[in-house]
Structure formats: C-alpha cells, structure tokens
C-alpha cells in the first residue's frame, strides 16, 4: 500500500475589526465588520489620506488570499 501525502492548507484568519494586512504594494486596514459587508481602508503604506471602501466579506478574503497578504496587527 502506498502512503498518500496530504497537503496542508493554511487557513485564512477570520476578519476582525482593527486588523492590518500587509501586501507587496499596499496595506489593508479593517474598519467595521457586519454580517455581509466589511468597511476597510486600502492604500500605500506611506499614504497620508486613504479612502474608505466597503465590500463583501468573501470578496475581501479572496483579495487577501490572492495577493498573499500577511497579518501585521491583530
């Protein structure tokens, strides 16, 4: 019998208010979280003013996963 090697998947941590996610060219700061929507700020690390945005939880989580975001501040 052959042993089957399983690949471990890294779970994305659930979004929590106040988190800061770092990506290659931008930072995403989570503001408020509702049942379906997330308010967040997405901008360059050294930006003075960053606009607020609102999107669904699923969309934000997929964006973070696609861009290989790293959690900086929980």
C-alpha atoms as a PDB file:
ATOM      1  CA  UNK A   1       0.000   0.000   0.000  1.00  0.00           C
ATOM      2  CA  UNK A   2       1.202   3.459  -0.851  1.00  0.00           C
ATOM      3  CA  UNK A   3       1.079   6.277   1.623  1.00  0.00           C
ATOM      4  CA  UNK A   4      -0.787   9.281   0.339  1.00  0.00           C
ATOM      5  CA  UNK A   5       0.748  12.597   1.235  1.00  0.00           C
ATOM      6  CA  UNK A   6      -1.789  15.227   2.128  1.00  0.00           C
ATOM      7  CA  UNK A   7      -1.131  18.891   1.536  1.00  0.00           C
ATOM      8  CA  UNK A   8      -1.839  21.237   4.370  1.00  0.00           C
ATOM      9  CA  UNK A   9      -3.828  24.304   3.562  1.00  0.00           C
ATOM     10  CA  UNK A  10      -3.177  27.460   5.501  1.00  0.00           C
ATOM     11  CA  UNK A  11      -6.408  28.805   6.859  1.00  0.00           C
ATOM     12  CA  UNK A  12      -7.111  32.474   6.414  1.00  0.00           C
ATOM     13  CA  UNK A  13      -7.741  34.039   9.782  1.00  0.00           C
ATOM     14  CA  UNK A  14     -11.229  35.486  10.142  1.00  0.00           C
ATOM     15  CA  UNK A  15     -11.517  39.219   9.660  1.00  0.00           C
ATOM     16  CA  UNK A  16     -11.626  41.189  12.910  1.00  0.00           C
ATOM     17  CA  UNK A  17     -12.010  44.930  13.459  1.00  0.00           C
ATOM     18  CA  UNK A  18      -8.656  46.690  13.672  1.00  0.00           C
ATOM     19  CA  UNK A  19      -6.584  44.180  11.708  1.00  0.00           C
ATOM     20  CA  UNK A  20      -3.868  45.426   9.367  1.00  0.00           C
ATOM     21  CA  UNK A  21      -2.907  43.212   6.418  1.00  0.00           C
ATOM     22  CA  UNK A  22       0.338  43.904   4.513  1.00  0.00           C
ATOM     23  CA  UNK A  23       0.762  43.100   0.837  1.00  0.00           C
ATOM     24  CA  UNK A  24       3.539  43.850  -1.660  1.00  0.00           C
ATOM     25  CA  UNK A  25       2.341  47.334  -2.617  1.00  0.00           C
ATOM     26  CA  UNK A  26      -0.482  48.156  -0.210  1.00  0.00           C
ATOM     27  CA  UNK A  27      -1.861  47.851   3.308  1.00  0.00           C
ATOM     28  CA  UNK A  28      -5.461  46.953   4.110  1.00  0.00           C
ATOM     29  CA  UNK A  29      -6.863  48.125   7.446  1.00  0.00           C
ATOM     30  CA  UNK A  30     -10.163  46.562   8.512  1.00  0.00           C
ATOM     31  CA  UNK A  31     -12.649  49.027   9.964  1.00  0.00           C
ATOM     32  CA  UNK A  32     -16.105  47.702  10.821  1.00  0.00           C
ATOM     33  CA  UNK A  33     -17.427  44.239  10.099  1.00  0.00           C
ATOM     34  CA  UNK A  34     -21.090  43.409   9.646  1.00  0.00           C
ATOM     35  CA  UNK A  35     -22.923  40.236   8.686  1.00  0.00           C
ATOM     36  CA  UNK A  36     -22.093  40.551   4.998  1.00  0.00           C
ATOM     37  CA  UNK A  37     -20.005  43.697   4.488  1.00  0.00           C
ATOM     38  CA  UNK A  38     -16.590  44.935   5.569  1.00  0.00           C
ATOM     39  CA  UNK A  39     -15.524  48.594   5.792  1.00  0.00           C
ATOM     40  CA  UNK A  40     -11.813  48.920   5.117  1.00  0.00           C
ATOM     41  CA  UNK A  41      -9.036  51.282   4.031  1.00  0.00           C
ATOM     42  CA  UNK A  42      -6.752  50.159   1.221  1.00  0.00           C
ATOM     43  CA  UNK A  43      -3.739  52.261   0.328  1.00  0.00           C
ATOM     44  CA  UNK A  44       0.004  52.508   0.044  1.00  0.00           C
ATOM     45  CA  UNK A  45       1.964  52.166   3.295  1.00  0.00           C
ATOM     46  CA  UNK A  46       3.181  55.790   3.342  1.00  0.00           C
ATOM     47  CA  UNK A  47      -0.064  57.413   2.149  1.00  0.00           C
ATOM     48  CA  UNK A  48      -1.385  60.384   4.119  1.00  0.00           C
ATOM     49  CA  UNK A  49      -5.053  60.012   3.204  1.00  0.00           C
ATOM     50  CA  UNK A  50      -6.626  56.690   2.390  1.00  0.00           C
ATOM     51  CA  UNK A  51     -10.245  56.379   1.189  1.00  0.00           C
ATOM     52  CA  UNK A  52     -12.759  54.185   2.994  1.00  0.00           C
ATOM     53  CA  UNK A  53     -14.213  51.325   0.993  1.00  0.00           C
ATOM     54  CA  UNK A  54     -16.975  48.805   1.542  1.00  0.00           C
ATOM     55  CA  UNK A  55     -17.156  45.312   0.093  1.00  0.00           C
ATOM     56  CA  UNK A  56     -18.437  41.845   0.928  1.00  0.00           C
ATOM     57  CA  UNK A  57     -16.502  39.614   3.335  1.00  0.00           C
ATOM     58  CA  UNK A  58     -15.963  36.953   0.684  1.00  0.00           C
ATOM     59  CA  UNK A  59     -14.507  39.453  -1.777  1.00  0.00           C
ATOM     60  CA  UNK A  60     -12.067  40.899   0.761  1.00  0.00           C
ATOM     61  CA  UNK A  61     -10.933  37.440   1.905  1.00  0.00           C
ATOM     62  CA  UNK A  62     -10.362  36.341  -1.705  1.00  0.00           C
ATOM     63  CA  UNK A  63      -8.404  39.544  -2.397  1.00  0.00           C
ATOM     64  CA  UNK A  64      -6.171  38.963   0.624  1.00  0.00           C
ATOM     65  CA  UNK A  65      -5.583  35.346  -0.346  1.00  0.00           C
ATOM     66  CA  UNK A  66      -4.850  36.205  -3.997  1.00  0.00           C
ATOM     67  CA  UNK A  67      -2.329  38.897  -3.040  1.00  0.00           C
ATOM     68  CA  UNK A  68      -0.683  36.750  -0.325  1.00  0.00           C
ATOM     69  CA  UNK A  69      -1.399  39.217   2.450  1.00  0.00           C
ATOM     70  CA  UNK A  70       0.336  38.865   5.815  1.00  0.00           C
ATOM     71  CA  UNK A  71      -1.372  39.846   9.055  1.00  0.00           C
ATOM     72  CA  UNK A  72       0.678  42.582  10.752  1.00  0.00           C
ATOM     73  CA  UNK A  73      -1.552  43.755  13.587  1.00  0.00           C
ATOM     74  CA  UNK A  74      -4.446  41.811  15.050  1.00  0.00           C
END
